[in-house]
Protein backbone atom coordinates (compact mmCIF):
# COMPACT_ATOMS: atom_id res chain seq x y z
CA MET A 1 70.83 203.75 -123.56
CA ARG A 2 70.33 200.62 -122.10
CA ARG A 3 67.16 199.58 -123.58
CA VAL A 4 68.73 200.43 -126.96
CA LEU A 5 71.91 197.90 -126.63
CA ILE A 6 69.18 195.31 -125.10
CA SER A 7 67.26 195.50 -128.27
CA LEU A 8 70.70 195.56 -130.54
CA VAL A 9 72.10 192.94 -129.12
CA LEU A 10 69.34 190.19 -128.27
CA ALA A 11 66.61 191.20 -130.62
CA PRO A 12 68.41 189.33 -133.34
CA ALA A 13 70.00 186.62 -131.18
CA LEU A 14 66.50 185.87 -129.20
CA ALA A 15 65.08 185.38 -132.37
CA LEU A 16 66.96 182.82 -133.90
CA SER A 17 66.82 181.56 -130.77
CA VAL A 18 63.04 180.45 -131.35
CA VAL A 19 64.47 177.66 -133.70
CA ALA A 20 66.52 174.65 -132.37
CA VAL A 21 68.50 174.07 -135.92
CA PRO A 22 70.17 169.93 -135.82
CA THR A 23 73.86 170.13 -136.04
CA ALA A 24 75.71 167.14 -135.78
CA GLY A 25 72.91 164.56 -134.88
CA ALA A 26 71.76 167.50 -131.97
CA GLU A 27 70.10 170.91 -131.58
CA VAL A 28 71.35 173.66 -131.33
CA SER A 29 69.66 176.71 -129.76
CA ARG A 30 71.42 179.51 -131.88
CA SER A 31 71.36 182.46 -129.64
CA ALA A 32 74.15 185.11 -130.34
CA LEU A 33 75.56 186.08 -133.79
CA LEU A 34 79.11 184.45 -132.98
CA ASN A 35 81.90 182.32 -134.20
CA ARG A 36 82.03 178.84 -132.75
CA ASP A 37 84.52 176.56 -131.71
CA PRO A 38 83.52 172.43 -131.19
CA LEU A 39 83.73 170.84 -127.91
CA ARG A 40 84.26 166.69 -128.77
CA PRO A 41 82.18 164.17 -126.87
CA SER A 42 84.01 162.57 -125.06
CA SER A 43 85.50 158.83 -125.06
CA ASP A 44 84.83 157.65 -122.07
CA PRO A 45 80.89 159.44 -121.14
CA VAL A 46 79.96 159.87 -117.50
CA GLU A 47 77.08 157.41 -117.47
CA LEU A 48 73.67 158.69 -116.37
CA VAL A 49 70.94 156.38 -115.89
CA ASN A 50 67.05 157.06 -116.14
CA ALA A 51 65.63 156.47 -113.38
CA GLN A 52 62.90 159.24 -113.49
CA ARG A 53 59.75 159.05 -110.94
CA PRO A 54 57.25 162.34 -109.97
CA LEU A 55 58.35 165.00 -107.72
CA ASP A 56 55.25 166.30 -105.51
CA VAL A 57 56.94 169.43 -105.17
CA THR A 58 55.17 172.68 -104.08
CA TYR A 59 56.51 175.95 -102.32
CA ASP A 60 55.30 179.06 -101.44
CA HIS A 61 56.57 182.24 -102.67
CA GLY A 62 55.00 186.04 -103.06
CA GLY A 63 51.94 185.22 -100.91
CA GLN A 64 50.98 182.03 -103.05
CA THR A 65 51.27 178.34 -102.86
CA ARG A 66 52.97 176.78 -106.39
CA THR A 67 54.18 174.15 -108.04
CA LEU A 68 56.75 172.71 -109.91
CA PRO A 69 54.93 172.34 -113.39
CA ASP A 70 53.83 175.80 -113.04
CA TYR A 71 56.98 177.28 -112.26
CA LEU A 72 58.04 175.15 -115.45
CA GLU A 73 55.83 176.49 -117.85
CA ARG A 74 57.03 180.65 -117.03
CA ALA A 75 60.32 180.11 -116.27
CA ALA A 76 61.96 176.89 -118.40
CA GLN A 77 62.54 175.65 -121.91
CA GLY A 78 64.43 172.92 -120.35
CA PHE A 79 65.26 170.73 -116.66
CA VAL A 80 67.19 167.89 -115.61
CA VAL A 81 67.25 166.53 -112.09
CA LEU A 82 70.56 164.16 -110.82
CA ASP A 83 70.51 162.27 -108.05
CA GLY A 84 74.23 160.57 -108.22
CA ASN A 85 74.54 159.73 -111.08
CA LYS A 86 70.18 158.93 -111.74
CA ILE A 87 68.14 161.15 -113.83
CA VAL A 88 64.83 161.56 -111.57
CA ASN A 89 63.33 164.32 -112.94
CA GLU A 90 63.72 165.59 -116.56
CA TRP A 91 61.41 168.43 -118.38
CA TYR A 92 61.79 169.85 -121.55
CA ALA A 93 59.25 172.78 -123.46
CA PRO A 94 57.62 171.82 -126.86
CA GLY A 95 60.90 171.49 -129.70
CA ARG A 96 63.19 171.09 -126.75
CA SER A 97 64.85 168.01 -126.40
CA PRO A 98 67.10 166.53 -124.80
CA SER A 99 69.69 166.70 -127.61
CA THR A 100 68.99 170.55 -127.60
CA LEU A 101 72.36 172.51 -127.12
CA PHE A 102 71.41 175.11 -124.47
CA GLN A 103 72.91 178.95 -124.43
CA THR A 104 74.79 178.81 -121.01
CA TRP A 105 75.62 182.58 -120.81
CA SER A 106 77.63 183.13 -117.33
CA ILE A 107 77.27 179.36 -116.47
CA ALA A 108 80.89 179.30 -119.03
CA LYS A 109 82.97 181.34 -116.37
CA ALA A 110 83.26 178.43 -114.09
CA PHE A 111 84.69 176.40 -117.18
CA THR A 112 86.96 179.29 -117.73
CA ALA A 113 88.04 179.66 -114.33
CA HIS A 114 88.79 175.90 -113.88
CA ALA A 115 90.51 175.96 -116.96
CA ILE A 116 92.99 178.66 -114.97
CA GLY A 117 93.35 176.92 -112.14
CA ILE A 118 95.00 173.28 -113.98
CA ALA A 119 96.98 175.83 -115.95
CA HIS A 120 98.07 177.54 -112.48
CA THR A 121 98.10 173.08 -110.74
CA GLU A 122 100.48 172.31 -113.87
CA GLY A 123 102.65 174.89 -114.09
CA ALA A 124 102.19 176.59 -117.58
CA ILE A 125 100.83 179.97 -115.19
CA ARG A 126 103.59 180.74 -112.53
CA SER A 127 101.72 182.44 -109.75
CA LEU A 128 97.89 183.68 -109.80
CA ASP A 129 99.32 186.82 -108.78
CA ASP A 130 101.40 186.87 -111.77
CA THR A 131 100.02 190.06 -113.58
CA VAL A 132 97.54 190.11 -116.95
CA GLY A 133 100.92 192.27 -118.59
CA ALA A 134 102.81 189.23 -117.76
CA TYR A 135 101.43 186.78 -120.59
CA VAL A 136 99.62 189.65 -122.53
CA PRO A 137 102.21 192.43 -123.13
CA GLU A 138 99.91 193.62 -125.25
CA LEU A 139 98.15 195.10 -122.19
CA ALA A 140 101.14 195.48 -120.29
CA ASP A 141 101.37 199.37 -120.45
CA ARG A 142 97.34 199.60 -119.74
CA PRO A 143 95.25 199.47 -116.55
CA PHE A 144 94.00 195.31 -117.22
CA GLY A 145 97.84 194.93 -117.59
CA ALA A 146 98.56 195.59 -113.71
CA VAL A 147 95.64 193.64 -112.47
CA THR A 148 96.79 190.19 -110.89
CA ILE A 149 94.97 186.87 -112.30
CA ARG A 150 94.00 185.96 -108.52
CA ASN A 151 91.76 189.36 -108.94
CA LEU A 152 90.86 188.88 -112.03
CA LEU A 153 89.82 185.46 -111.09
CA HIS A 154 87.63 187.22 -107.91
CA MET A 155 85.96 189.91 -109.93
CA THR A 156 88.58 192.36 -108.03
CA SER A 157 89.77 193.31 -110.69
CA GLY A 158 89.41 197.47 -110.55
CA ILE A 159 88.45 198.03 -114.01
CA LYS A 160 85.55 200.75 -114.27
CA TRP A 161 83.01 198.74 -115.39
CA ASN A 162 78.95 198.92 -114.81
CA SER A 163 77.82 195.48 -115.83
CA SER A 164 73.83 196.46 -116.23
CA VAL A 165 75.27 198.63 -119.68
CA ASP A 166 78.83 197.48 -120.73
CA ASP A 167 77.95 193.40 -120.67
CA TYR A 168 75.76 194.64 -123.48
CA TRP A 169 78.64 196.60 -124.89
CA LEU A 170 81.16 193.53 -124.79
CA GLN A 171 78.49 191.05 -126.29
CA LEU A 172 78.05 193.45 -129.04
CA LEU A 173 81.31 194.09 -130.03
CA ALA A 174 81.97 190.73 -129.63
CA GLY A 175 79.09 189.47 -132.70
CA THR A 176 79.45 192.34 -134.99
CA GLY A 177 83.50 192.55 -134.95
CA LEU A 178 84.33 196.16 -134.24
CA VAL A 179 86.36 195.78 -132.16
CA SER A 180 88.40 192.41 -130.39
CA THR A 181 88.00 191.74 -126.88
CA LEU A 182 91.57 192.11 -126.64
CA GLN A 183 91.20 195.65 -128.17
CA TYR A 184 88.23 196.70 -126.11
CA ALA A 185 90.62 195.15 -123.00
CA ALA A 186 92.91 197.70 -123.89
CA ARG A 187 90.55 200.19 -123.92
CA GLN A 188 89.50 200.29 -120.35
CA SER A 189 90.47 201.98 -117.06
CA GLY A 190 90.89 201.76 -113.57
CA ASP A 191 88.41 202.63 -111.41
CA VAL A 192 89.27 201.24 -107.59
CA PRO A 193 92.71 199.70 -106.09
CA GLN A 194 92.64 195.70 -107.35
CA GLY A 195 91.31 193.63 -104.85
CA SER A 196 89.41 196.27 -102.78
CA ALA A 197 85.80 195.84 -104.23
CA TYR A 198 83.95 193.10 -105.85
CA ASN A 199 82.52 194.20 -109.45
CA TYR A 200 81.18 191.67 -111.48
CA ASN A 201 82.63 192.12 -114.98
CA SER A 202 82.62 189.80 -118.06
CA LEU A 203 85.58 191.41 -119.50
CA ASN A 204 87.40 190.11 -116.62
CA SER A 205 86.40 186.34 -118.00
CA ALA A 206 87.46 187.88 -121.41
CA VAL A 207 91.07 188.67 -120.61
CA LEU A 208 91.32 185.23 -118.21
CA ALA A 209 90.61 183.10 -121.43
CA LEU A 210 93.59 185.37 -123.31
CA VAL A 211 95.53 184.89 -120.55
CA LEU A 212 94.97 180.72 -120.84
CA GLU A 213 95.92 180.75 -124.26
CA ARG A 214 98.87 182.56 -124.21
CA ALA A 215 100.09 180.90 -121.34
CA THR A 216 99.26 176.92 -122.40
CA ARG A 217 99.77 178.40 -125.68
CA ARG A 218 96.58 176.23 -126.78
CA PRO A 219 93.43 177.48 -128.56
CA TYR A 220 91.06 178.18 -125.20
CA HIS A 221 88.51 175.81 -126.76
CA GLN A 222 90.90 173.09 -126.77
CA TYR A 223 92.56 173.70 -123.68
CA VAL A 224 88.64 173.15 -122.21
CA GLN A 225 88.22 169.97 -124.50
CA ASP A 226 91.87 168.20 -123.01
CA LYS A 227 91.62 169.15 -119.58
CA ILE A 228 88.28 169.21 -118.54
CA TRP A 229 85.39 168.51 -121.54
CA GLY A 230 87.05 165.32 -122.55
CA PRO A 231 88.02 164.49 -118.92
CA ALA A 232 85.00 164.63 -117.04
CA GLY A 233 82.92 162.61 -119.12
CA MET A 234 80.84 164.65 -121.46
CA ALA A 235 78.97 162.56 -123.21
CA ALA A 236 77.74 165.29 -126.21
CA GLY A 237 79.20 168.04 -128.23
CA ALA A 238 78.96 171.81 -127.23
CA PHE A 239 80.21 174.95 -129.19
CA VAL A 240 82.06 177.82 -127.41
CA GLY A 241 81.86 181.27 -128.90
CA ASN A 242 84.53 183.12 -130.14
CA ASP A 243 84.23 186.41 -131.11
CA LEU A 244 84.47 187.81 -134.84
CA HIS A 245 88.74 187.77 -134.25
CA GLY A 246 88.77 184.38 -133.47
CA ASN A 247 89.25 185.57 -129.72
CA ALA A 248 87.90 183.39 -126.93
CA LEU A 249 85.22 184.97 -125.24
CA GLY A 250 85.61 183.19 -121.41
CA TYR A 251 82.35 184.73 -120.29
CA CYS A 252 79.52 183.10 -122.00
CA CYS A 253 78.39 181.51 -125.18
CA TYR A 254 79.07 177.92 -124.02
CA HIS A 255 76.26 175.65 -125.98
CA ALA A 256 75.65 171.94 -124.36
CA GLN A 257 73.43 169.94 -123.52
CA ASN A 258 71.14 169.62 -119.98
CA ARG A 259 72.24 166.52 -119.20
CA ASP A 260 76.49 167.27 -119.56
CA LEU A 261 75.69 170.37 -117.66
CA ALA A 262 74.38 167.99 -114.94
CA ARG A 263 77.70 165.73 -115.68
CA TYR A 264 79.36 169.32 -114.21
CA GLY A 265 77.17 169.26 -111.42
CA LEU A 266 78.06 165.95 -110.44
CA LEU A 267 81.44 166.60 -111.34
CA MET A 268 81.64 169.49 -108.49
CA LEU A 269 79.71 167.04 -106.48
CA ASN A 270 82.21 164.60 -106.46
CA GLY A 271 85.27 166.41 -105.67
CA GLY A 272 86.16 167.40 -108.88
CA ARG A 273 86.54 163.57 -109.55
CA ALA A 274 84.91 161.43 -112.65
CA ASN A 275 85.19 158.29 -114.00
CA GLY A 276 87.58 157.52 -111.23
CA ARG A 277 90.16 159.67 -112.50
CA GLN A 278 90.67 163.82 -110.44
CA VAL A 279 89.46 166.01 -113.53
CA LEU A 280 90.29 168.99 -111.48
CA PRO A 281 92.93 169.49 -109.04
CA THR A 282 91.91 169.26 -105.32
CA SER A 283 94.49 171.90 -104.33
CA TRP A 284 92.50 174.45 -106.84
CA LEU A 285 88.78 173.21 -105.82
CA ASP A 286 89.68 173.71 -102.20
CA TYR A 287 91.29 177.24 -102.93
CA ALA A 288 88.33 178.05 -105.39
CA SER A 289 85.77 176.95 -102.45
CA ILE A 290 86.72 179.94 -100.51
CA PRO A 291 84.63 182.89 -100.31
CA THR A 292 85.89 185.91 -101.67
CA PRO A 293 87.46 188.36 -99.05
CA VAL A 294 85.56 191.90 -99.98
CA GLN A 295 82.38 189.85 -101.38
CA PRO A 296 81.07 186.53 -98.76
CA ASP A 297 78.82 184.98 -100.60
CA HIS A 298 80.38 183.88 -103.32
CA ASN A 299 83.98 182.43 -104.59
CA ILE A 300 86.10 181.87 -107.32
CA VAL A 301 83.63 179.83 -109.22
CA SER A 302 80.16 179.68 -107.96
CA VAL A 303 77.25 181.79 -105.55
CA LEU A 304 76.99 179.96 -102.53
CA ASP A 305 73.71 179.24 -101.08
CA GLY A 306 74.35 179.45 -97.33
CA THR A 307 74.16 175.78 -95.64
CA GLU A 308 71.96 174.70 -98.53
CA GLY A 309 75.15 174.20 -101.38
CA TYR A 310 76.20 176.62 -104.43
CA TRP A 311 74.86 176.96 -108.32
CA ASN A 312 76.03 179.04 -111.23
CA GLY A 313 73.46 181.22 -113.18
CA GLY A 314 73.81 183.13 -116.59
CA PHE A 315 71.59 185.48 -118.26
CA GLY A 316 68.33 185.34 -118.78
CA GLY A 317 67.26 182.87 -116.07
CA GLN A 318 70.00 179.63 -116.64
CA MET A 319 70.80 178.54 -113.09
CA LEU A 320 73.20 175.09 -112.65
CA TYR A 321 72.10 174.55 -108.81
CA MET A 322 74.59 172.11 -106.93
CA SER A 323 72.48 170.85 -103.43
CA THR A 324 75.35 169.47 -101.04
CA LYS A 325 73.28 169.47 -98.44
CA HIS A 326 71.23 166.64 -100.50
CA ARG A 327 74.03 165.89 -102.94
CA VAL A 328 71.44 166.87 -106.01
CA VAL A 329 72.40 168.73 -109.51
CA ILE A 330 69.50 170.71 -110.90
CA VAL A 331 69.81 172.08 -114.10
CA LYS A 332 67.79 175.06 -115.56
CA THR A 333 68.04 176.24 -119.04
CA THR A 334 65.66 178.57 -120.93
CA LEU A 335 65.76 180.89 -123.55
CA PHE A 336 65.21 184.48 -121.76
CA SER A 337 63.01 184.31 -118.14
CA THR A 338 62.03 187.26 -116.35
CA VAL A 339 61.00 184.55 -113.26
CA ASP A 340 62.85 186.26 -110.15
CA GLU A 341 65.84 184.83 -108.71
CA ALA A 342 64.35 184.21 -105.43
CA GLU A 343 61.89 182.42 -106.44
CA THR A 344 63.57 179.97 -108.69
CA LEU A 345 66.19 179.48 -106.18
CA THR A 346 62.99 178.64 -103.48
CA VAL A 347 62.12 176.34 -106.19
CA MET A 348 66.17 174.76 -106.51
CA ARG A 349 65.72 173.73 -102.87
CA ALA A 350 62.86 172.34 -102.94
CA VAL A 351 63.16 169.99 -105.46
CA ALA A 352 66.72 168.66 -104.11
CA ALA A 353 64.61 168.34 -100.31
CA GLU A 354 62.38 166.40 -102.23
CA VAL A 355 64.58 163.54 -104.28
CA ALA A 356 66.01 163.42 -100.96
CA ALA A 357 63.08 162.64 -99.22
CA THR A 358 62.18 160.47 -101.94
CA ARG A 359 64.79 158.34 -102.67
């Protein structure tokens, strides 16, 4: 069954992704049969300085000594490394370029969480312990309706979900319009008491997007535009996927340039500040950085990498790595890679260390 689902969801998507289609002066790596909403370039983009230099990176994995070029050929289509606001390394596979809009998949969840945090800080969301049903009455008498916003953020909703199967169903439904994400959320059942167990569930983030829209009375993409994308100084436009019923997905499908993903990483390393402005509230970041009680290697917006830093990942091998140890941001995007996560993390740490050693 899982293999059938993968072919249904991903075969047409991957076929479309092979060609970078020009759009509004950029290239978009088309990777999902979805409606999309635009994000506009910031009126005050964060400047990145091109200061590329060779990085002599070798690393050991699987009993072999390997090099960065070898890794990129096997695992990436785009790669950017920032040391502060300096681009110290940038690489693209043939047919890709700095203007390609890459599908970020679950990296989008971080933007959704931050939007919720801003809405709470500004008072549109009264409390993170409010239930979904308080904002989305269509779910009030369903299991999702009783879940708190806090438990959605922590992926401890208690809703029954098998991400290795149900995530594919969710993407299939979003791409075909068979049911809306709201209707799909209403069909879900409870599994364990909320807050008691971590269970990665993309529908949690879709429901957060619904809560955001109802609480702020604004479309998801417009809120992200005005509160995050623009103030954070993103230099290029981007696209955000929605289902065929117009519901924001929240869990995936930002199509963005690698340099703008790197700008997000820089925003995080700089404590939520960009161009001298506090974009992400400090009180929110303080809370969001606390490890999830029942999953201590995660917090609300990232996966923790011990004393090295933290990262956001996406289906097929996307990774945004922020090295707090070395103050380095690394973006790795691809169409689909089977290179394992452990090797990728080894590469990220080695690259960050090399950048720091050669400053």
